[in-house]
Amino acid sequence: YARAPDGALINDTGCGNTLEFAKPAVRRLMIDTLMHFVEHCGI
């Protein structure tokens, strides 16, 4: 989860938290999710 310099959770979504896409692991989670739905469901 993305955090501001003071440590507070960034809320760019209005939902209380924001996933940190500067982190490779977060991007990998998204990519693996999309690949799963394409390869195993034909999306």
All heavy atoms as atom14 arrays in JSON, in Angstrom:
{
  "sequence": "YARAPDGALINDTGCGNTLEFAKPAVRRLMIDTLMHFVEHCGI",
  "atom14_mask": [
    [1, 1, 1, 1, 1, 1, 1, 1, 1, 1, 1, 1, 0, 0],
    [1, 1, 1, 1, 1, 0, 0, 0, 0, 0, 0, 0, 0, 0],
    [1, 1, 1, 1, 1, 1, 1, 1, 1, 1, 1, 0, 0, 0],
    [1, 1, 1, 1, 1, 0, 0, 0, 0, 0, 0, 0, 0, 0],
    [1, 1, 1, 1, 1, 1, 1, 0, 0, 0, 0, 0, 0, 0],
    [1, 1, 1, 1, 1, 1, 1, 1, 0, 0, 0, 0, 0, 0],
    [1, 1, 1, 1, 0, 0, 0, 0, 0, 0, 0, 0, 0, 0],
    [1, 1, 1, 1, 1, 0, 0, 0, 0, 0, 0, 0, 0, 0],
    [1, 1, 1, 1, 1, 1, 1, 1, 0, 0, 0, 0, 0, 0],
    [1, 1, 1, 1, 1, 1, 1, 1, 0, 0, 0, 0, 0, 0],
    [1, 1, 1, 1, 1, 1, 1, 1, 0, 0, 0, 0, 0, 0],
    [1, 1, 1, 1, 1, 1, 1, 1, 0, 0, 0, 0, 0, 0],
    [1, 1, 1, 1, 1, 1, 1, 0, 0, 0, 0, 0, 0, 0],
    [1, 1, 1, 1, 0, 0, 0, 0, 0, 0, 0, 0, 0, 0],
    [1, 1, 1, 1, 1, 1, 0, 0, 0, 0, 0, 0, 0, 0],
    [1, 1, 1, 1, 0, 0, 0, 0, 0, 0, 0, 0, 0, 0],
    [1, 1, 1, 1, 1, 1, 1, 1, 0, 0, 0, 0, 0, 0],
    [1, 1, 1, 1, 1, 1, 1, 0, 0, 0, 0, 0, 0, 0],
    [1, 1, 1, 1, 1, 1, 1, 1, 0, 0, 0, 0, 0, 0],
    [1, 1, 1, 1, 1, 1, 1, 1, 1, 0, 0, 0, 0, 0],
    [1, 1, 1, 1, 1, 1, 1, 1, 1, 1, 1, 0, 0, 0],
    [1, 1, 1, 1, 1, 0, 0, 0, 0, 0, 0, 0, 0, 0],
    [1, 1, 1, 1, 1, 1, 1, 1, 1, 0, 0, 0, 0, 0],
    [1, 1, 1, 1, 1, 1, 1, 0, 0, 0, 0, 0, 0, 0],
    [1, 1, 1, 1, 1, 0, 0, 0, 0, 0, 0, 0, 0, 0],
    [1, 1, 1, 1, 1, 1, 1, 0, 0, 0, 0, 0, 0, 0],
    [1, 1, 1, 1, 1, 1, 1, 1, 1, 1, 1, 0, 0, 0],
    [1, 1, 1, 1, 1, 1, 1, 1, 1, 1, 1, 0, 0, 0],
    [1, 1, 1, 1, 1, 1, 1, 1, 0, 0, 0, 0, 0, 0],
    [1, 1, 1, 1, 1, 1, 1, 1, 0, 0, 0, 0, 0, 0],
    [1, 1, 1, 1, 1, 1, 1, 1, 0, 0, 0, 0, 0, 0],
    [1, 1, 1, 1, 1, 1, 1, 1, 0, 0, 0, 0, 0, 0],
    [1, 1, 1, 1, 1, 1, 1, 0, 0, 0, 0, 0, 0, 0],
    [1, 1, 1, 1, 1, 1, 1, 1, 0, 0, 0, 0, 0, 0],
    [1, 1, 1, 1, 1, 1, 1, 1, 0, 0, 0, 0, 0, 0],
    [1, 1, 1, 1, 1, 1, 1, 1, 1, 1, 0, 0, 0, 0],
    [1, 1, 1, 1, 1, 1, 1, 1, 1, 1, 1, 0, 0, 0],
    [1, 1, 1, 1, 1, 1, 1, 0, 0, 0, 0, 0, 0, 0],
    [1, 1, 1, 1, 1, 1, 1, 1, 1, 0, 0, 0, 0, 0],
    [1, 1, 1, 1, 1, 1, 1, 1, 1, 1, 0, 0, 0, 0],
    [1, 1, 1, 1, 1, 1, 0, 0, 0, 0, 0, 0, 0, 0],
    [1, 1, 1, 1, 0, 0, 0, 0, 0, 0, 0, 0, 0, 0],
    [1, 1, 1, 1, 1, 1, 1, 1, 0, 0, 0, 0, 0, 0]
  ],
  "atom14_positions": [
    [[0.84, -1.2, 0.0], [0.0, 0.0, 0.0], [0.87, 1.24, 0.0], [1.88, 1.34, 0.71], [-0.92, 0.01, 1.22], [-1.91, -1.13, 1.23], [-1.85, -2.13, 2.2], [-2.9, -1.21, 0.25], [-2.76, -3.18, 2.19], [-3.81, -2.26, 0.25], [-3.74, -3.24, 1.22], [-4.64, -4.27, 1.19], [0.0, 0.0, 0.0], [0.0, 0.0, 0.0]],
    [[0.48, 2.23, -0.82], [1.26, 3.46, -0.95], [1.11, 4.31, 0.3], [0.01, 4.43, 0.87], [0.78, 4.25, -2.17], [0.0, 0.0, 0.0], [0.0, 0.0, 0.0], [0.0, 0.0, 0.0], [0.0, 0.0, 0.0], [0.0, 0.0, 0.0], [0.0, 0.0, 0.0], [0.0, 0.0, 0.0], [0.0, 0.0, 0.0], [0.0, 0.0, 0.0]],
    [[2.21, 4.92, 0.67], [2.21, 5.77, 1.86], [2.9, 7.09, 1.55], [3.83, 7.16, 0.75], [2.91, 5.07, 3.03], [2.27, 3.75, 3.41], [2.97, 3.09, 4.57], [2.63, 3.71, 5.84], [1.57, 3.37, 6.59], [0.75, 2.42, 6.17], [1.34, 3.97, 7.73], [0.0, 0.0, 0.0], [0.0, 0.0, 0.0], [0.0, 0.0, 0.0]],
    [[2.44, 8.14, 2.21], [3.02, 9.47, 2.07], [4.32, 9.53, 2.87], [4.61, 8.65, 3.69], [2.03, 10.51, 2.57], [0.0, 0.0, 0.0], [0.0, 0.0, 0.0], [0.0, 0.0, 0.0], [0.0, 0.0, 0.0], [0.0, 0.0, 0.0], [0.0, 0.0, 0.0], [0.0, 0.0, 0.0], [0.0, 0.0, 0.0], [0.0, 0.0, 0.0]],
    [[5.14, 10.58, 2.65], [6.39, 10.7, 3.4], [6.21, 10.65, 4.91], [7.11, 10.2, 5.63], [6.94, 12.05, 2.94], [6.41, 12.21, 1.55], [5.04, 11.62, 1.59], [0.0, 0.0, 0.0], [0.0, 0.0, 0.0], [0.0, 0.0, 0.0], [0.0, 0.0, 0.0], [0.0, 0.0, 0.0], [0.0, 0.0, 0.0], [0.0, 0.0, 0.0]],
    [[5.06, 11.11, 5.41], [4.84, 11.06, 6.85], [4.32, 9.71, 7.34], [4.02, 9.53, 8.52], [3.86, 12.17, 7.28], [2.46, 11.98, 6.71], [2.24, 11.02, 5.96], [1.59, 12.82, 7.02], [0.0, 0.0, 0.0], [0.0, 0.0, 0.0], [0.0, 0.0, 0.0], [0.0, 0.0, 0.0], [0.0, 0.0, 0.0], [0.0, 0.0, 0.0]],
    [[4.21, 8.75, 6.42], [3.78, 7.42, 6.79], [2.29, 7.16, 6.64], [1.84, 6.02, 6.76], [0.0, 0.0, 0.0], [0.0, 0.0, 0.0], [0.0, 0.0, 0.0], [0.0, 0.0, 0.0], [0.0, 0.0, 0.0], [0.0, 0.0, 0.0], [0.0, 0.0, 0.0], [0.0, 0.0, 0.0], [0.0, 0.0, 0.0], [0.0, 0.0, 0.0]],
    [[1.5, 8.19, 6.38], [0.06, 8.02, 6.25], [-0.28, 7.28, 4.96], [0.4, 7.45, 3.94], [-0.64, 9.38, 6.28], [0.0, 0.0, 0.0], [0.0, 0.0, 0.0], [0.0, 0.0, 0.0], [0.0, 0.0, 0.0], [0.0, 0.0, 0.0], [0.0, 0.0, 0.0], [0.0, 0.0, 0.0], [0.0, 0.0, 0.0], [0.0, 0.0, 0.0]],
    [[-1.31, 6.48, 5.02], [-1.77, 5.82, 3.8], [-2.24, 6.85, 2.79], [-2.98, 7.78, 3.12], [-2.93, 4.88, 4.13], [-2.6, 3.54, 4.79], [-3.88, 2.87, 5.28], [-1.85, 2.62, 3.82], [0.0, 0.0, 0.0], [0.0, 0.0, 0.0], [0.0, 0.0, 0.0], [0.0, 0.0, 0.0], [0.0, 0.0, 0.0], [0.0, 0.0, 0.0]],
    [[-1.78, 6.71, 1.56], [-2.27, 7.56, 0.47], [-3.66, 7.07, 0.06], [-3.89, 5.87, -0.06], [-1.29, 7.53, -0.72], [0.01, 8.23, -0.34], [-1.9, 8.18, -1.96], [1.09, 8.15, -1.42], [0.0, 0.0, 0.0], [0.0, 0.0, 0.0], [0.0, 0.0, 0.0], [0.0, 0.0, 0.0], [0.0, 0.0, 0.0], [0.0, 0.0, 0.0]],
    [[-4.56, 8.01, -0.15], [-5.94, 7.66, -0.49], [-6.32, 8.34, -1.8], [-7.15, 9.25, -1.83], [-6.89, 8.06, 0.63], [-8.3, 7.57, 0.4], [-8.54, 6.69, -0.41], [-9.26, 8.15, 1.12], [0.0, 0.0, 0.0], [0.0, 0.0, 0.0], [0.0, 0.0, 0.0], [0.0, 0.0, 0.0], [0.0, 0.0, 0.0], [0.0, 0.0, 0.0]],
    [[-5.74, 7.89, -2.9], [-6.07, 8.43, -4.22], [-7.34, 7.8, -4.79], [-7.73, 8.11, -5.91], [-4.91, 8.17, -5.2], [-3.7, 9.04, -4.91], [-3.87, 10.1, -4.28], [-2.59, 8.64, -5.3], [0.0, 0.0, 0.0], [0.0, 0.0, 0.0], [0.0, 0.0, 0.0], [0.0, 0.0, 0.0], [0.0, 0.0, 0.0], [0.0, 0.0, 0.0]],
    [[-7.97, 6.93, -4.01], [-9.12, 6.18, -4.49], [-10.42, 6.56, -3.79], [-11.5, 6.21, -4.27], [-8.88, 4.68, -4.29], [-8.81, 4.42, -2.86], [-7.58, 4.25, -4.95], [0.0, 0.0, 0.0], [0.0, 0.0, 0.0], [0.0, 0.0, 0.0], [0.0, 0.0, 0.0], [0.0, 0.0, 0.0], [0.0, 0.0, 0.0], [0.0, 0.0, 0.0]],
    [[-10.32, 7.21, -2.64], [-11.51, 7.48, -1.84], [-11.98, 6.28, -1.05], [-13.05, 6.3, -0.45], [0.0, 0.0, 0.0], [0.0, 0.0, 0.0], [0.0, 0.0, 0.0], [0.0, 0.0, 0.0], [0.0, 0.0, 0.0], [0.0, 0.0, 0.0], [0.0, 0.0, 0.0], [0.0, 0.0, 0.0], [0.0, 0.0, 0.0], [0.0, 0.0, 0.0]],
    [[-11.17, 5.22, -1.03], [-11.56, 3.96, -0.38], [-10.66, 3.63, 0.81], [-10.76, 2.53, 1.36], [-11.53, 2.82, -1.38], [-12.64, 3.08, -2.79], [0.0, 0.0, 0.0], [0.0, 0.0, 0.0], [0.0, 0.0, 0.0], [0.0, 0.0, 0.0], [0.0, 0.0, 0.0], [0.0, 0.0, 0.0], [0.0, 0.0, 0.0], [0.0, 0.0, 0.0]],
    [[-9.77, 4.55, 1.18], [-8.96, 4.36, 2.38], [-7.54, 3.95, 2.13], [-6.66, 4.22, 2.94], [0.0, 0.0, 0.0], [0.0, 0.0, 0.0], [0.0, 0.0, 0.0], [0.0, 0.0, 0.0], [0.0, 0.0, 0.0], [0.0, 0.0, 0.0], [0.0, 0.0, 0.0], [0.0, 0.0, 0.0], [0.0, 0.0, 0.0], [0.0, 0.0, 0.0]],
    [[-7.25, 3.28, 1.03], [-5.87, 2.9, 0.71], [-5.69, 2.92, -0.79], [-6.66, 3.01, -1.56], [-5.5, 1.54, 1.32], [-6.33, 0.39, 0.75], [-6.5, 0.26, -0.46], [-6.86, -0.47, 1.63], [0.0, 0.0, 0.0], [0.0, 0.0, 0.0], [0.0, 0.0, 0.0], [0.0, 0.0, 0.0], [0.0, 0.0, 0.0], [0.0, 0.0, 0.0]],
    [[-4.44, 2.81, -1.21], [-4.09, 2.81, -2.63], [-2.94, 1.82, -2.83], [-1.94, 1.88, -2.11], [-3.64, 4.2, -3.1], [-4.66, 5.15, -2.83], [-3.29, 4.21, -4.58], [0.0, 0.0, 0.0], [0.0, 0.0, 0.0], [0.0, 0.0, 0.0], [0.0, 0.0, 0.0], [0.0, 0.0, 0.0], [0.0, 0.0, 0.0], [0.0, 0.0, 0.0]],
    [[-3.08, 0.91, -3.77], [-2.0, -0.02, -4.02], [-0.82, 0.71, -4.65], [-0.99, 1.62, -5.45], [-2.47, -1.16, -4.93], [-3.36, -2.19, -4.21], [-4.03, -3.12, -5.2], [-2.55, -2.99, -3.2], [0.0, 0.0, 0.0], [0.0, 0.0, 0.0], [0.0, 0.0, 0.0], [0.0, 0.0, 0.0], [0.0, 0.0, 0.0], [0.0, 0.0, 0.0]],
    [[0.38, 0.29, -4.29], [1.62, 0.98, -4.66], [2.22, 0.34, -5.92], [2.96, -0.64, -5.86], [2.62, 0.91, -3.5], [3.97, 1.53, -3.8], [3.88, 2.97, -4.22], [3.64, 3.22, -5.44], [4.05, 3.84, -3.36], [0.0, 0.0, 0.0], [0.0, 0.0, 0.0], [0.0, 0.0, 0.0], [0.0, 0.0, 0.0], [0.0, 0.0, 0.0]],
    [[1.88, 0.92, -7.07], [2.35, 0.35, -8.33], [3.78, 0.7, -8.66], [4.31, 0.24, -9.68], [1.39, 0.72, -9.47], [0.28, -0.27, -9.63], [-0.83, -0.22, -8.8], [0.37, -1.29, -10.56], [-1.84, -1.16, -8.92], [-0.63, -2.24, -10.68], [-1.74, -2.17, -9.86], [0.0, 0.0, 0.0], [0.0, 0.0, 0.0], [0.0, 0.0, 0.0]],
    [[4.44, 1.46, -7.81], [5.88, 1.61, -7.95], [6.61, 0.35, -7.48], [7.8, 0.18, -7.78], [6.37, 2.82, -7.15], [0.0, 0.0, 0.0], [0.0, 0.0, 0.0], [0.0, 0.0, 0.0], [0.0, 0.0, 0.0], [0.0, 0.0, 0.0], [0.0, 0.0, 0.0], [0.0, 0.0, 0.0], [0.0, 0.0, 0.0], [0.0, 0.0, 0.0]],
    [[5.9, -0.54, -6.79], [6.49, -1.78, -6.29], [6.33, -2.88, -7.35], [5.22, -3.2, -7.78], [5.79, -2.23, -5.02], [5.84, -1.22, -3.88], [7.18, -1.25, -3.18], [7.15, -0.37, -1.93], [8.46, -0.37, -1.24], [0.0, 0.0, 0.0], [0.0, 0.0, 0.0], [0.0, 0.0, 0.0], [0.0, 0.0, 0.0], [0.0, 0.0, 0.0]],
    [[7.43, -3.5, -7.77], [7.32, -4.57, -8.77], [6.39, -5.71, -8.34], [5.71, -6.3, -9.18], [8.77, -5.06, -8.91], [9.6, -3.86, -8.55], [8.83, -3.17, -7.46], [0.0, 0.0, 0.0], [0.0, 0.0, 0.0], [0.0, 0.0, 0.0], [0.0, 0.0, 0.0], [0.0, 0.0, 0.0], [0.0, 0.0, 0.0], [0.0, 0.0, 0.0]],
    [[6.34, -6.02, -7.04], [5.5, -7.13, -6.59], [4.02, -6.83, -6.8], [3.23, -7.74, -7.08], [5.77, -7.43, -5.12], [0.0, 0.0, 0.0], [0.0, 0.0, 0.0], [0.0, 0.0, 0.0], [0.0, 0.0, 0.0], [0.0, 0.0, 0.0], [0.0, 0.0, 0.0], [0.0, 0.0, 0.0], [0.0, 0.0, 0.0], [0.0, 0.0, 0.0]],
    [[3.63, -5.57, -6.67], [2.23, -5.19, -6.9], [1.91, -5.32, -8.39], [0.85, -5.83, -8.77], [1.97, -3.77, -6.38], [0.57, -3.29, -6.78], [2.13, -3.73, -4.86], [0.0, 0.0, 0.0], [0.0, 0.0, 0.0], [0.0, 0.0, 0.0], [0.0, 0.0, 0.0], [0.0, 0.0, 0.0], [0.0, 0.0, 0.0], [0.0, 0.0, 0.0]],
    [[2.81, -4.84, -9.23], [2.58, -4.96, -10.67], [2.53, -6.43, -11.08], [1.73, -6.83, -11.93], [3.67, -4.23, -11.45], [3.75, -2.73, -11.14], [4.52, -1.98, -12.2], [5.89, -2.42, -12.38], [6.95, -1.98, -11.69], [6.78, -1.07, -10.71], [8.16, -2.42, -11.95], [0.0, 0.0, 0.0], [0.0, 0.0, 0.0], [0.0, 0.0, 0.0]],
    [[3.38, -7.26, -10.44], [3.37, -8.69, -10.79], [2.06, -9.35, -10.4], [1.54, -10.22, -11.12], [4.53, -9.38, -10.07], [4.84, -10.77, -10.6], [5.39, -10.71, -12.01], [4.55, -11.42, -12.96], [4.74, -11.42, -14.27], [5.72, -10.72, -14.81], [3.94, -12.09, -15.06], [0.0, 0.0, 0.0], [0.0, 0.0, 0.0], [0.0, 0.0, 0.0]],
    [[1.49, -8.95, -9.25], [0.21, -9.48, -8.84], [-0.87, -9.16, -9.86], [-1.68, -10.02, -10.23], [-0.18, -8.92, -7.47], [-1.59, -9.26, -6.96], [-1.76, -10.77, -6.82], [-1.86, -8.54, -5.64], [0.0, 0.0, 0.0], [0.0, 0.0, 0.0], [0.0, 0.0, 0.0], [0.0, 0.0, 0.0], [0.0, 0.0, 0.0], [0.0, 0.0, 0.0]],
    [[-0.86, -7.95, -10.39], [-1.84, -7.57, -11.4], [-1.62, -8.37, -12.68], [-2.57, -8.93, -13.25], [-1.74, -6.08, -11.7], [-2.6, -5.62, -12.87], [-2.47, -3.84, -13.15], [-3.07, -3.74, -14.85], [0.0, 0.0, 0.0], [0.0, 0.0, 0.0], [0.0, 0.0, 0.0], [0.0, 0.0, 0.0], [0.0, 0.0, 0.0], [0.0, 0.0, 0.0]],
    [[-0.39, -8.45, -13.13], [-0.11, -9.15, -14.39], [-0.45, -10.63, -14.28], [-1.06, -11.22, -15.18], [1.36, -8.93, -14.79], [1.6, -7.47, -15.19], [1.77, -9.86, -15.93], [3.05, -7.09, -15.32], [0.0, 0.0, 0.0], [0.0, 0.0, 0.0], [0.0, 0.0, 0.0], [0.0, 0.0, 0.0], [0.0, 0.0, 0.0], [0.0, 0.0, 0.0]],
    [[-0.08, -11.24, -13.16], [-0.4, -12.66, -12.98], [-1.9, -12.89, -12.92], [-2.4, -13.92, -13.41], [0.27, -13.19, -11.7], [1.78, -13.34, -11.85], [2.26, -13.4, -12.99], [2.47, -13.4, -10.81], [0.0, 0.0, 0.0], [0.0, 0.0, 0.0], [0.0, 0.0, 0.0], [0.0, 0.0, 0.0], [0.0, 0.0, 0.0], [0.0, 0.0, 0.0]],
    [[-2.64, -11.94, -12.35], [-4.09, -12.05, -12.31], [-4.67, -12.03, -13.72], [-5.5, -12.87, -14.09], [-4.69, -10.9, -11.48], [-4.2, -10.96, -10.14], [-6.2, -10.96, -11.48], [0.0, 0.0, 0.0], [0.0, 0.0, 0.0], [0.0, 0.0, 0.0], [0.0, 0.0, 0.0], [0.0, 0.0, 0.0], [0.0, 0.0, 0.0], [0.0, 0.0, 0.0]],
    [[-4.23, -11.09, -14.53], [-4.72, -11.0, -15.91], [-4.35, -12.25, -16.7], [-5.18, -12.79, -17.46], [-4.14, -9.76, -16.6], [-4.38, -8.39, -15.95], [-3.88, -7.29, -16.87], [-5.83, -8.18, -15.59], [0.0, 0.0, 0.0], [0.0, 0.0, 0.0], [0.0, 0.0, 0.0], [0.0, 0.0, 0.0], [0.0, 0.0, 0.0], [0.0, 0.0, 0.0]],
    [[-3.13, -12.72, -16.53], [-2.72, -13.93, -17.25], [-3.55, -15.13, -16.85], [-3.92, -15.95, -17.7], [-1.23, -14.18, -17.01], [-0.32, -13.14, -17.64], [1.44, -13.39, -17.23], [1.75, -14.97, -18.01], [0.0, 0.0, 0.0], [0.0, 0.0, 0.0], [0.0, 0.0, 0.0], [0.0, 0.0, 0.0], [0.0, 0.0, 0.0], [0.0, 0.0, 0.0]],
    [[-3.86, -15.25, -15.57], [-4.72, -16.35, -15.12], [-6.07, -16.32, -15.82], [-6.54, -17.34, -16.33], [-4.9, -16.26, -13.6], [-6.08, -17.03, -13.09], [-6.17, -18.41, -13.19], [-7.23, -16.61, -12.49], [-7.33, -18.81, -12.67], [-7.99, -17.74, -12.24], [0.0, 0.0, 0.0], [0.0, 0.0, 0.0], [0.0, 0.0, 0.0], [0.0, 0.0, 0.0]],
    [[-6.7, -15.15, -15.88], [-8.03, -15.07, -16.48], [-8.01, -15.28, -17.99], [-8.97, -15.8, -18.56], [-8.69, -13.74, -16.13], [-9.21, -13.68, -14.71], [-8.8, -12.69, -13.84], [-10.12, -14.62, -14.27], [-9.29, -12.64, -12.55], [-10.61, -14.58, -12.97], [-10.19, -13.59, -12.1], [0.0, 0.0, 0.0], [0.0, 0.0, 0.0], [0.0, 0.0, 0.0]],
    [[-6.92, -14.92, -18.63], [-6.81, -15.17, -20.08], [-6.51, -16.64, -20.34], [-7.18, -17.3, -21.15], [-5.73, -14.28, -20.71], [-5.47, -14.68, -22.16], [-6.13, -12.82, -20.64], [0.0, 0.0, 0.0], [0.0, 0.0, 0.0], [0.0, 0.0, 0.0], [0.0, 0.0, 0.0], [0.0, 0.0, 0.0], [0.0, 0.0, 0.0], [0.0, 0.0, 0.0]],
    [[-5.52, -17.19, -19.66], [-5.06, -18.53, -19.97], [-6.01, -19.62, -19.48], [-6.12, -20.68, -20.12], [-3.67, -18.75, -19.36], [-2.6, -17.86, -19.99], [-1.22, -18.14, -19.44], [-1.11, -18.73, -18.34], [-0.24, -17.75, -20.1], [0.0, 0.0, 0.0], [0.0, 0.0, 0.0], [0.0, 0.0, 0.0], [0.0, 0.0, 0.0], [0.0, 0.0, 0.0]],
    [[-6.7, -19.38, -18.38], [-7.53, -20.44, -17.8], [-9.03, -20.21, -17.99], [-9.82, -21.13, -17.72], [-7.23, -20.58, -16.31], [-5.81, -20.95, -16.03], [-5.06, -20.39, -15.01], [-4.96, -21.8, -16.68], [-3.85, -20.9, -15.02], [-3.76, -21.76, -16.03], [0.0, 0.0, 0.0], [0.0, 0.0, 0.0], [0.0, 0.0, 0.0], [0.0, 0.0, 0.0]],
    [[-9.4, -19.0, -18.45], [-10.83, -18.72, -18.64], [-11.14, -18.17, -20.03], [-12.32, -18.09, -20.4], [-11.31, -17.72, -17.58], [-11.05, -18.28, -15.89], [0.0, 0.0, 0.0], [0.0, 0.0, 0.0], [0.0, 0.0, 0.0], [0.0, 0.0, 0.0], [0.0, 0.0, 0.0], [0.0, 0.0, 0.0], [0.0, 0.0, 0.0], [0.0, 0.0, 0.0]],
    [[-10.14, -17.74, -20.78], [-10.35, -17.25, -22.14], [-10.85, -15.82, -22.22], [-11.45, -15.43, -23.23], [0.0, 0.0, 0.0], [0.0, 0.0, 0.0], [0.0, 0.0, 0.0], [0.0, 0.0, 0.0], [0.0, 0.0, 0.0], [0.0, 0.0, 0.0], [0.0, 0.0, 0.0], [0.0, 0.0, 0.0], [0.0, 0.0, 0.0], [0.0, 0.0, 0.0]],
    [[-10.59, -15.02, -21.19], [-11.1, -13.65, -21.16], [-10.48, -12.82, -22.29], [-9.29, -12.93, -22.61], [-10.79, -13.01, -19.79], [-11.57, -13.75, -18.69], [-11.12, -11.53, -19.78], [-13.07, -13.72, -18.85], [0.0, 0.0, 0.0], [0.0, 0.0, 0.0], [0.0, 0.0, 0.0], [0.0, 0.0, 0.0], [0.0, 0.0, 0.0], [0.0, 0.0, 0.0]]
  ]
}
